[in-house]
Amino acid sequence: MIGIFDSGVGGMTVARAIEQLLPDLPYIYFGDLAHSPYGSKSREMLIEYSCRNTDFLLAQGAKIIVIACNSASSTASYILRERYQMPIIDVISPAVRKAADLSEHGRIGLIGTRATVNSGVYGKRLEEIRPKSRLYPQACPLLVPLVEEGWLDRRETKMIVRKYLHPLRNKQIDTLILGCTHYPLLKKAIIPRIGKRVHIIDSSVEAALYLKTMLDQDTALYESLHAPDTANRYYVSDLSSPVQSLAASIFGRSVHLEKINV
């Protein structure tokens, strides 16, 4: 069984992509809405939340962990890999690899939370893969709360997206990494405001593709994740009506979200 956690509903875009690519493998999803957004939290709190979330997923039977959150991936992934003896997948490395491959001129933009941008991890990993490229990061602290409220098509949201993307347009980027798993839900607002010629890298999709490739190469691990007649489960630490509606929109069906204390 696959364990997936995020600060809220954004990680459901990762869960949906995994579901489409690996339909035979069940997963457990946990959205820590009670502590969302993670992007404004300190490094210490992000590590504490990430370890707590991982412990919960392991107790439910998960044998592999997907950190479906860029803020947690950027600050806590190495701690989790040191502490836990199972594969830990983050959403950063797959997205960086894809951006490095697609960018024609090595001018790559990144939008993410403050925690993700301040960590500098995207720049470090891009330097390792494509040393002569340039990364232009832009923190977008208001976008996660807007997504969690369900304000995907609001005029105010589009204005804020335009303001955040303006500096990146001026840098003439040719590739943009959506460095938060909430941001794919804002693609309709992002694409026309960054320009249709700019490659959009969805970290949710890239993480799911990376997981599939890894399991294709490790048949023993793939088989260990099978749990016959086991349904996917969805847990949250808080629940509101916009969240239920967003979950249904992401999965294209009604999803039962169970509120728990972790």
C-alpha atoms as a PDB file:
ATOM      1  CA  MET A   1       0.000   0.000   0.000  1.00  0.00           C
ATOM      2  CA  ILE A   2       1.210   3.513  -0.874  1.00  0.00           C
ATOM      3  CA  GLY A   3       1.103   6.294   1.729  1.00  0.00           C
ATOM      4  CA  ILE A   4       0.656   9.891   0.523  1.00  0.00           C
ATOM      5  CA  PHE A   5       0.586  13.050   2.622  1.00  0.00           C
ATOM      6  CA  ASP A   6       0.194  16.783   2.037  1.00  0.00           C
ATOM      7  CA  SER A   7      -0.790  19.868   3.961  1.00  0.00           C
ATOM      8  CA  GLY A   8      -4.246  19.860   2.368  1.00  0.00           C
ATOM      9  CA  VAL A   9      -6.032  19.070  -0.881  1.00  0.00           C
ATOM     10  CA  GLY A  10      -3.152  19.866  -3.249  1.00  0.00           C
ATOM     11  CA  GLY A  11      -1.578  16.466  -2.728  1.00  0.00           C
ATOM     12  CA  MET A  12      -4.749  14.905  -4.061  1.00  0.00           C
ATOM     13  CA  THR A  13      -3.455  15.873  -7.517  1.00  0.00           C
ATOM     14  CA  VAL A  14      -0.552  13.503  -6.819  1.00  0.00           C
ATOM     15  CA  ALA A  15      -2.918  10.796  -5.552  1.00  0.00           C
ATOM     16  CA  ARG A  16      -5.078  11.151  -8.658  1.00  0.00           C
ATOM     17  CA  ALA A  17      -2.049  10.858 -10.959  1.00  0.00           C
ATOM     18  CA  ILE A  18      -0.831   7.764  -9.077  1.00  0.00           C
ATOM     19  CA  GLU A  19      -4.310   6.271  -9.275  1.00  0.00           C
ATOM     20  CA  GLN A  20      -4.338   6.718 -13.053  1.00  0.00           C
ATOM     21  CA  LEU A  21      -0.831   5.302 -13.579  1.00  0.00           C
ATOM     22  CA  LEU A  22      -0.961   2.509 -10.982  1.00  0.00           C
ATOM     23  CA  PRO A  23      -4.627   1.526 -10.726  1.00  0.00           C
ATOM     24  CA  ASP A  24      -3.825  -1.878  -9.184  1.00  0.00           C
ATOM     25  CA  LEU A  25      -2.111  -0.424  -6.117  1.00  0.00           C
ATOM     26  CA  PRO A  26      -4.171   0.927  -3.209  1.00  0.00           C
ATOM     27  CA  TYR A  27      -3.116   4.045  -1.341  1.00  0.00           C
ATOM     28  CA  ILE A  28      -3.844   5.973   1.846  1.00  0.00           C
ATOM     29  CA  TYR A  29      -4.037   9.752   1.624  1.00  0.00           C
ATOM     30  CA  PHE A  30      -3.645  12.157   4.522  1.00  0.00           C
ATOM     31  CA  GLY A  31      -4.245  15.893   4.188  1.00  0.00           C
ATOM     32  CA  ASP A  32      -3.102  17.865   7.231  1.00  0.00           C
ATOM     33  CA  LEU A  33      -5.643  20.657   6.824  1.00  0.00           C
ATOM     34  CA  ALA A  34      -5.536  21.557  10.493  1.00  0.00           C
ATOM     35  CA  HIS A  35      -1.984  22.849   9.996  1.00  0.00           C
ATOM     36  CA  SER A  36      -2.310  24.143   6.436  1.00  0.00           C
ATOM     37  CA  PRO A  37      -0.640  25.963   4.799  1.00  0.00           C
ATOM     38  CA  TYR A  38       2.768  24.381   5.379  1.00  0.00           C
ATOM     39  CA  GLY A  39       4.551  27.053   3.344  1.00  0.00           C
ATOM     40  CA  SER A  40       4.464  29.587   6.178  1.00  0.00           C
ATOM     41  CA  LYS A  41       5.700  27.164   8.859  1.00  0.00           C
ATOM     42  CA  SER A  42       9.212  26.936  10.288  1.00  0.00           C
ATOM     43  CA  ARG A  43      11.637  24.184   9.281  1.00  0.00           C
ATOM     44  CA  GLU A  44      11.269  22.582  12.707  1.00  0.00           C
ATOM     45  CA  MET A  45       7.478  22.431  12.480  1.00  0.00           C
ATOM     46  CA  LEU A  46       7.569  21.031   8.935  1.00  0.00           C
ATOM     47  CA  ILE A  47       9.858  18.229  10.069  1.00  0.00           C
ATOM     48  CA  GLU A  48       7.615  17.493  13.066  1.00  0.00           C
ATOM     49  CA  TYR A  49       4.466  17.402  10.931  1.00  0.00           C
ATOM     50  CA  SER A  50       6.132  15.257   8.264  1.00  0.00           C
ATOM     51  CA  CYS A  51       7.327  12.667  10.794  1.00  0.00           C
ATOM     52  CA  ARG A  52       3.908  12.591  12.454  1.00  0.00           C
ATOM     53  CA  ASN A  53       2.179  12.146   9.090  1.00  0.00           C
ATOM     54  CA  THR A  54       4.580   9.363   8.116  1.00  0.00           C
ATOM     55  CA  ASP A  55       4.030   7.536  11.406  1.00  0.00           C
ATOM     56  CA  PHE A  56       0.282   7.652  10.824  1.00  0.00           C
ATOM     57  CA  LEU A  57       0.545   6.281   7.280  1.00  0.00           C
ATOM     58  CA  LEU A  58       2.878   3.476   8.376  1.00  0.00           C
ATOM     59  CA  ALA A  59       0.443   2.514  11.127  1.00  0.00           C
ATOM     60  CA  GLN A  60      -2.238   2.203   8.446  1.00  0.00           C
ATOM     61  CA  GLY A  61      -0.123  -0.244   6.450  1.00  0.00           C
ATOM     62  CA  ALA A  62       1.830   1.964   4.029  1.00  0.00           C
ATOM     63  CA  LYS A  63       5.128   0.493   2.787  1.00  0.00           C
ATOM     64  CA  ILE A  64       6.245   3.456   0.683  1.00  0.00           C
ATOM     65  CA  ILE A  65       5.771   7.170   1.371  1.00  0.00           C
ATOM     66  CA  VAL A  66       5.079   9.903  -1.165  1.00  0.00           C
ATOM     67  CA  ILE A  67       5.584  13.423   0.186  1.00  0.00           C
ATOM     68  CA  ALA A  68       2.945  15.154  -1.942  1.00  0.00           C
ATOM     69  CA  CYS A  69       3.963  18.580  -0.656  1.00  0.00           C
ATOM     70  CA  ASN A  70       6.804  20.740  -1.935  1.00  0.00           C
ATOM     71  CA  SER A  71       7.239  22.576   1.373  1.00  0.00           C
ATOM     72  CA  ALA A  72       7.645  19.305   3.271  1.00  0.00           C
ATOM     73  CA  SER A  73       9.770  17.792   0.485  1.00  0.00           C
ATOM     74  CA  SER A  74      12.164  20.738   0.521  1.00  0.00           C
ATOM     75  CA  THR A  75      12.752  20.686   4.270  1.00  0.00           C
ATOM     76  CA  ALA A  76      11.983  17.222   5.644  1.00  0.00           C
ATOM     77  CA  SER A  77      12.629  14.608   2.938  1.00  0.00           C
ATOM     78  CA  TYR A  78      16.242  13.952   3.986  1.00  0.00           C
ATOM     79  CA  ILE A  79      15.164  13.587   7.640  1.00  0.00           C
ATOM     80  CA  LEU A  80      12.506  11.048   6.681  1.00  0.00           C
ATOM     81  CA  ARG A  81      15.008   9.063   4.619  1.00  0.00           C
ATOM     82  CA  GLU A  82      17.370   8.924   7.590  1.00  0.00           C
ATOM     83  CA  ARG A  83      14.664   7.981  10.071  1.00  0.00           C
ATOM     84  CA  TYR A  84      12.565   5.465   8.135  1.00  0.00           C
ATOM     85  CA  GLN A  85      13.677   2.291   6.385  1.00  0.00           C
ATOM     86  CA  MET A  86      11.444   2.408   3.320  1.00  0.00           C
ATOM     87  CA  PRO A  87      11.370   4.301   0.015  1.00  0.00           C
ATOM     88  CA  ILE A  88      10.538   7.996   0.383  1.00  0.00           C
ATOM     89  CA  ILE A  89       9.436   9.799  -2.792  1.00  0.00           C
ATOM     90  CA  ASP A  90       9.438  13.599  -2.937  1.00  0.00           C
ATOM     91  CA  VAL A  91       7.897  15.853  -5.595  1.00  0.00           C
ATOM     92  CA  ILE A  92      10.962  17.999  -6.242  1.00  0.00           C
ATOM     93  CA  SER A  93      13.581  15.874  -8.019  1.00  0.00           C
ATOM     94  CA  PRO A  94      11.236  14.504 -10.730  1.00  0.00           C
ATOM     95  CA  ALA A  95      10.017  18.028 -11.561  1.00  0.00           C
ATOM     96  CA  VAL A  96      13.571  19.402 -11.738  1.00  0.00           C
ATOM     97  CA  ARG A  97      14.643  16.616 -14.096  1.00  0.00           C
ATOM     98  CA  LYS A  98      11.705  17.277 -16.404  1.00  0.00           C
ATOM     99  CA  ALA A  99      12.338  21.030 -16.424  1.00  0.00           C
ATOM    100  CA  ALA A 100      16.025  20.536 -17.192  1.00  0.00           C
ATOM    101  CA  ASP A 101      15.127  18.258 -20.111  1.00  0.00           C
ATOM    102  CA  LEU A 102      12.459  20.527 -21.611  1.00  0.00           C
ATOM    103  CA  SER A 103      14.001  23.981 -21.227  1.00  0.00           C
ATOM    104  CA  GLU A 104      15.481  25.199 -24.512  1.00  0.00           C
ATOM    105  CA  HIS A 105      17.481  28.077 -23.081  1.00  0.00           C
ATOM    106  CA  GLY A 106      17.936  27.032 -19.457  1.00  0.00           C
ATOM    107  CA  ARG A 107      15.777  29.884 -18.165  1.00  0.00           C
ATOM    108  CA  ILE A 108      13.507  28.147 -15.682  1.00  0.00           C
ATOM    109  CA  GLY A 109      10.957  29.750 -13.392  1.00  0.00           C
ATOM    110  CA  LEU A 110       9.675  28.341 -10.114  1.00  0.00           C
ATOM    111  CA  ILE A 111       6.568  29.283  -8.193  1.00  0.00           C
ATOM    112  CA  GLY A 112       6.108  27.849  -4.724  1.00  0.00           C
ATOM    113  CA  THR A 113       5.488  28.599  -1.074  1.00  0.00           C
ATOM    114  CA  ARG A 114       7.924  30.671   0.971  1.00  0.00           C
ATOM    115  CA  ALA A 115       9.258  27.514   2.637  1.00  0.00           C
ATOM    116  CA  THR A 116      10.001  25.907  -0.727  1.00  0.00           C
ATOM    117  CA  VAL A 117      11.603  29.004  -2.245  1.00  0.00           C
ATOM    118  CA  ASN A 118      13.634  29.853   0.863  1.00  0.00           C
ATOM    119  CA  SER A 119      15.000  26.317   1.112  1.00  0.00           C
ATOM    120  CA  GLY A 120      16.903  26.777  -2.149  1.00  0.00           C
ATOM    121  CA  VAL A 121      16.553  23.064  -2.863  1.00  0.00           C
ATOM    122  CA  TYR A 122      15.246  23.516  -6.406  1.00  0.00           C
ATOM    123  CA  GLY A 123      18.256  25.610  -7.339  1.00  0.00           C
ATOM    124  CA  LYS A 124      20.670  23.093  -5.821  1.00  0.00           C
ATOM    125  CA  ARG A 125      19.142  20.132  -7.640  1.00  0.00           C
ATOM    126  CA  LEU A 126      18.954  22.020 -10.926  1.00  0.00           C
ATOM    127  CA  GLU A 127      22.628  22.942 -10.605  1.00  0.00           C
ATOM    128  CA  GLU A 128      23.469  19.252 -10.237  1.00  0.00           C
ATOM    129  CA  ILE A 129      21.491  18.254 -13.335  1.00  0.00           C
ATOM    130  CA  ARG A 130      22.044  21.230 -15.654  1.00  0.00           C
ATOM    131  CA  PRO A 131      24.808  23.467 -14.272  1.00  0.00           C
ATOM    132  CA  LYS A 132      24.571  26.289 -16.834  1.00  0.00           C
ATOM    133  CA  SER A 133      20.839  26.856 -16.433  1.00  0.00           C
ATOM    134  CA  ARG A 134      19.250  29.657 -14.394  1.00  0.00           C
ATOM    135  CA  LEU A 135      16.434  29.303 -11.884  1.00  0.00           C
ATOM    136  CA  TYR A 136      14.155  32.243 -11.153  1.00  0.00           C
ATOM    137  CA  PRO A 137      12.106  31.526  -7.997  1.00  0.00           C
ATOM    138  CA  GLN A 138       8.960  33.378  -7.002  1.00  0.00           C
ATOM    139  CA  ALA A 139       7.217  32.840  -3.667  1.00  0.00           C
ATOM    140  CA  CYS A 140       3.409  32.861  -3.944  1.00  0.00           C
ATOM    141  CA  PRO A 141       2.120  32.678  -0.359  1.00  0.00           C
ATOM    142  CA  LEU A 142      -1.494  33.566  -1.161  1.00  0.00           C
ATOM    143  CA  LEU A 143      -2.169  30.820  -3.692  1.00  0.00           C
ATOM    144  CA  VAL A 144      -2.575  27.833  -1.337  1.00  0.00           C
ATOM    145  CA  PRO A 145      -5.230  29.554   0.838  1.00  0.00           C
ATOM    146  CA  LEU A 146      -7.089  30.600  -2.321  1.00  0.00           C
ATOM    147  CA  VAL A 147      -7.103  27.007  -3.591  1.00  0.00           C
ATOM    148  CA  GLU A 148      -8.201  25.646  -0.208  1.00  0.00           C
ATOM    149  CA  GLU A 149     -11.098  28.117  -0.261  1.00  0.00           C
ATOM    150  CA  GLY A 150     -12.080  26.936  -3.725  1.00  0.00           C
ATOM    151  CA  TRP A 151     -11.433  30.333  -5.320  1.00  0.00           C
ATOM    152  CA  LEU A 152     -10.050  28.817  -8.527  1.00  0.00           C
ATOM    153  CA  ASP A 153     -11.874  31.041 -11.027  1.00  0.00           C
ATOM    154  CA  ARG A 154     -12.338  34.181  -8.978  1.00  0.00           C
ATOM    155  CA  ARG A 155     -11.272  37.517 -10.444  1.00  0.00           C
ATOM    156  CA  GLU A 156      -9.187  38.211  -7.338  1.00  0.00           C
ATOM    157  CA  THR A 157      -7.265  34.966  -7.795  1.00  0.00           C
ATOM    158  CA  LYS A 158      -6.465  35.764 -11.420  1.00  0.00           C
ATOM    159  CA  MET A 159      -5.189  39.227 -10.420  1.00  0.00           C
ATOM    160  CA  ILE A 160      -2.923  37.742  -7.758  1.00  0.00           C
ATOM    161  CA  VAL A 161      -1.601  35.095 -10.169  1.00  0.00           C
ATOM    162  CA  ARG A 162      -0.806  37.835 -12.705  1.00  0.00           C
ATOM    163  CA  LYS A 163       1.088  39.846 -10.079  1.00  0.00           C
ATOM    164  CA  TYR A 164       3.163  36.824  -9.001  1.00  0.00           C
ATOM    165  CA  LEU A 165       4.000  35.811 -12.574  1.00  0.00           C
ATOM    166  CA  HIS A 166       4.912  39.300 -13.836  1.00  0.00           C
ATOM    167  CA  PRO A 167       8.575  39.153 -12.648  1.00  0.00           C
ATOM    168  CA  LEU A 168       9.003  35.747 -14.310  1.00  0.00           C
ATOM    169  CA  ARG A 169       7.614  37.019 -17.599  1.00  0.00           C
ATOM    170  CA  ASN A 170      10.180  39.818 -17.445  1.00  0.00           C
ATOM    171  CA  LYS A 171      12.927  37.192 -17.026  1.00  0.00           C
ATOM    172  CA  GLN A 172      11.762  35.575 -20.291  1.00  0.00           C
ATOM    173  CA  ILE A 173      11.613  32.097 -18.823  1.00  0.00           C
ATOM    174  CA  ASP A 174      10.841  29.227 -21.207  1.00  0.00           C
ATOM    175  CA  THR A 175       9.841  26.695 -18.528  1.00  0.00           C
ATOM    176  CA  LEU A 176       7.823  27.079 -15.323  1.00  0.00           C
ATOM    177  CA  ILE A 177       7.810  24.570 -12.468  1.00  0.00           C
ATOM    178  CA  LEU A 178       4.606  24.473 -10.443  1.00  0.00           C
ATOM    179  CA  GLY A 179       6.455  23.984  -7.176  1.00  0.00           C
ATOM    180  CA  CYS A 180       3.380  23.266  -5.091  1.00  0.00           C
ATOM    181  CA  THR A 181       0.891  20.452  -5.587  1.00  0.00           C
ATOM    182  CA  HIS A 182      -1.969  22.921  -5.118  1.00  0.00           C
ATOM    183  CA  TYR A 183      -0.949  24.888  -8.207  1.00  0.00           C
ATOM    184  CA  PRO A 184      -2.112  22.422 -10.895  1.00  0.00           C
ATOM    185  CA  LEU A 185      -5.633  23.392  -9.821  1.00  0.00           C
ATOM    186  CA  LEU A 186      -4.792  26.934 -10.997  1.00  0.00           C
ATOM    187  CA  LYS A 187      -3.467  25.998 -14.448  1.00  0.00           C
ATOM    188  CA  LYS A 188      -6.339  27.792 -16.182  1.00  0.00           C
ATOM    189  CA  ALA A 189      -5.275  31.007 -14.472  1.00  0.00           C
ATOM    190  CA  ILE A 190      -1.525  30.431 -14.821  1.00  0.00           C
ATOM    191  CA  ILE A 191      -1.121  29.437 -18.487  1.00  0.00           C
ATOM    192  CA  PRO A 192      -2.546  32.576 -20.149  1.00  0.00           C
ATOM    193  CA  ARG A 193      -0.676  34.816 -17.703  1.00  0.00           C
ATOM    194  CA  ILE A 194       2.750  33.257 -18.162  1.00  0.00           C
ATOM    195  CA  GLY A 195       2.377  32.643 -21.900  1.00  0.00           C
ATOM    196  CA  LYS A 196       1.378  29.575 -23.898  1.00  0.00           C
ATOM    197  CA  ARG A 197       4.934  29.081 -25.198  1.00  0.00           C
ATOM    198  CA  VAL A 198       6.241  28.431 -21.689  1.00  0.00           C
ATOM    199  CA  HIS A 199       6.492  24.756 -20.735  1.00  0.00           C
ATOM    200  CA  ILE A 200       4.494  24.032 -17.568  1.00  0.00           C
ATOM    201  CA  ILE A 201       5.978  21.361 -15.284  1.00  0.00           C
ATOM    202  CA  ASP A 202       3.396  19.764 -13.008  1.00  0.00           C
ATOM    203  CA  SER A 203       5.271  18.335 -10.009  1.00  0.00           C
ATOM    204  CA  SER A 204       2.266  16.126  -9.183  1.00  0.00           C
ATOM    205  CA  VAL A 205       2.370  14.316 -12.517  1.00  0.00           C
ATOM    206  CA  GLU A 206       6.164  14.038 -12.530  1.00  0.00           C
ATOM    207  CA  ALA A 207       6.208  12.489  -9.045  1.00  0.00           C
ATOM    208  CA  ALA A 208       3.632   9.895 -10.108  1.00  0.00           C
ATOM    209  CA  LEU A 209       5.603   9.079 -13.272  1.00  0.00           C
ATOM    210  CA  TYR A 210       8.775   8.701 -11.222  1.00  0.00           C
ATOM    211  CA  LEU A 211       7.019   6.306  -8.832  1.00  0.00           C
ATOM    212  CA  LYS A 212       5.712   4.208 -11.713  1.00  0.00           C
ATOM    213  CA  THR A 213       9.156   4.004 -13.313  1.00  0.00           C
ATOM    214  CA  MET A 214      10.691   2.950 -10.003  1.00  0.00           C
ATOM    215  CA  LEU A 215       8.083   0.215  -9.472  1.00  0.00           C
ATOM    216  CA  ASP A 216       8.424  -0.986 -13.063  1.00  0.00           C
ATOM    217  CA  GLN A 217      12.090  -1.605 -12.295  1.00  0.00           C
ATOM    218  CA  ASP A 218      11.503  -3.183  -8.866  1.00  0.00           C
ATOM    219  CA  THR A 219       8.929  -5.925  -9.242  1.00  0.00           C
ATOM    220  CA  ALA A 220       9.426  -7.165  -5.680  1.00  0.00           C
ATOM    221  CA  LEU A 221       8.529  -3.749  -4.275  1.00  0.00           C
ATOM    222  CA  TYR A 222       5.590  -3.495  -6.661  1.00  0.00           C
ATOM    223  CA  GLU A 223       4.220  -6.834  -5.479  1.00  0.00           C
ATOM    224  CA  SER A 224       4.701  -5.893  -1.825  1.00  0.00           C
ATOM    225  CA  LEU A 225       2.406  -2.899  -2.279  1.00  0.00           C
ATOM    226  CA  HIS A 226      -0.510  -5.013  -3.424  1.00  0.00           C
ATOM    227  CA  ALA A 227      -3.360  -5.359  -0.943  1.00  0.00           C
ATOM    228  CA  PRO A 228      -6.207  -7.289  -2.633  1.00  0.00           C
ATOM    229  CA  ASP A 229      -9.742  -5.992  -2.060  1.00  0.00           C
ATOM    230  CA  THR A 230      -8.365  -2.916  -0.279  1.00  0.00           C
ATOM    231  CA  ALA A 231     -10.005   0.401  -1.146  1.00  0.00           C
ATOM    232  CA  ASN A 232      -8.199   3.720  -1.263  1.00  0.00           C
ATOM    233  CA  ARG A 233      -8.700   5.736   1.905  1.00  0.00           C
ATOM    234  CA  TYR A 234      -8.717   9.487   2.429  1.00  0.00           C
ATOM    235  CA  TYR A 235      -8.062  11.132   5.778  1.00  0.00           C
ATOM    236  CA  VAL A 236      -7.881  14.794   6.784  1.00  0.00           C
ATOM    237  CA  SER A 237      -7.125  16.529  10.058  1.00  0.00           C
ATOM    238  CA  ASP A 238      -9.845  19.127   9.409  1.00  0.00           C
ATOM    239  CA  LEU A 239     -12.823  19.243   7.086  1.00  0.00           C
ATOM    240  CA  SER A 240     -14.766  22.051   5.446  1.00  0.00           C
ATOM    241  CA  SER A 241     -17.283  22.188   2.613  1.00  0.00           C
ATOM    242  CA  PRO A 242     -14.827  23.738   0.081  1.00  0.00           C
ATOM    243  CA  VAL A 243     -12.415  20.848   0.707  1.00  0.00           C
ATOM    244  CA  GLN A 244     -15.070  18.219   0.027  1.00  0.00           C
ATOM    245  CA  SER A 245     -16.039  19.997  -3.181  1.00  0.00           C
ATOM    246  CA  LEU A 246     -12.411  20.342  -4.323  1.00  0.00           C
ATOM    247  CA  ALA A 247     -11.740  16.663  -3.674  1.00  0.00           C
ATOM    248  CA  ALA A 248     -14.698  15.705  -5.849  1.00  0.00           C
ATOM    249  CA  SER A 249     -13.444  18.046  -8.570  1.00  0.00           C
ATOM    250  CA  ILE A 250      -9.908  16.586  -8.504  1.00  0.00           C
ATOM    251  CA  PHE A 251     -10.984  12.942  -8.630  1.00  0.00           C
ATOM    252  CA  GLY A 252     -14.031  13.442 -10.830  1.00  0.00           C
ATOM    253  CA  ARG A 253     -16.197  11.612  -8.327  1.00  0.00           C
ATOM    254  CA  SER A 254     -17.426  11.844  -4.770  1.00  0.00           C
ATOM    255  CA  VAL A 255     -14.673  11.045  -2.258  1.00  0.00           C
ATOM    256  CA  HIS A 256     -15.288  10.162   1.382  1.00  0.00           C
ATOM    257  CA  LEU A 257     -12.960  12.214   3.577  1.00  0.00           C
ATOM    258  CA  GLU A 258     -12.582  10.932   7.113  1.00  0.00           C
ATOM    259  CA  LYS A 259     -11.578  13.467   9.758  1.00  0.00           C
ATOM    260  CA  ILE A 260      -9.034  12.237  12.291  1.00  0.00           C
ATOM    261  CA  ASN A 261      -6.586  13.585  14.846  1.00  0.00           C
ATOM    262  CA  VAL A 262      -2.953  12.774  14.096  1.00  0.00           C
END
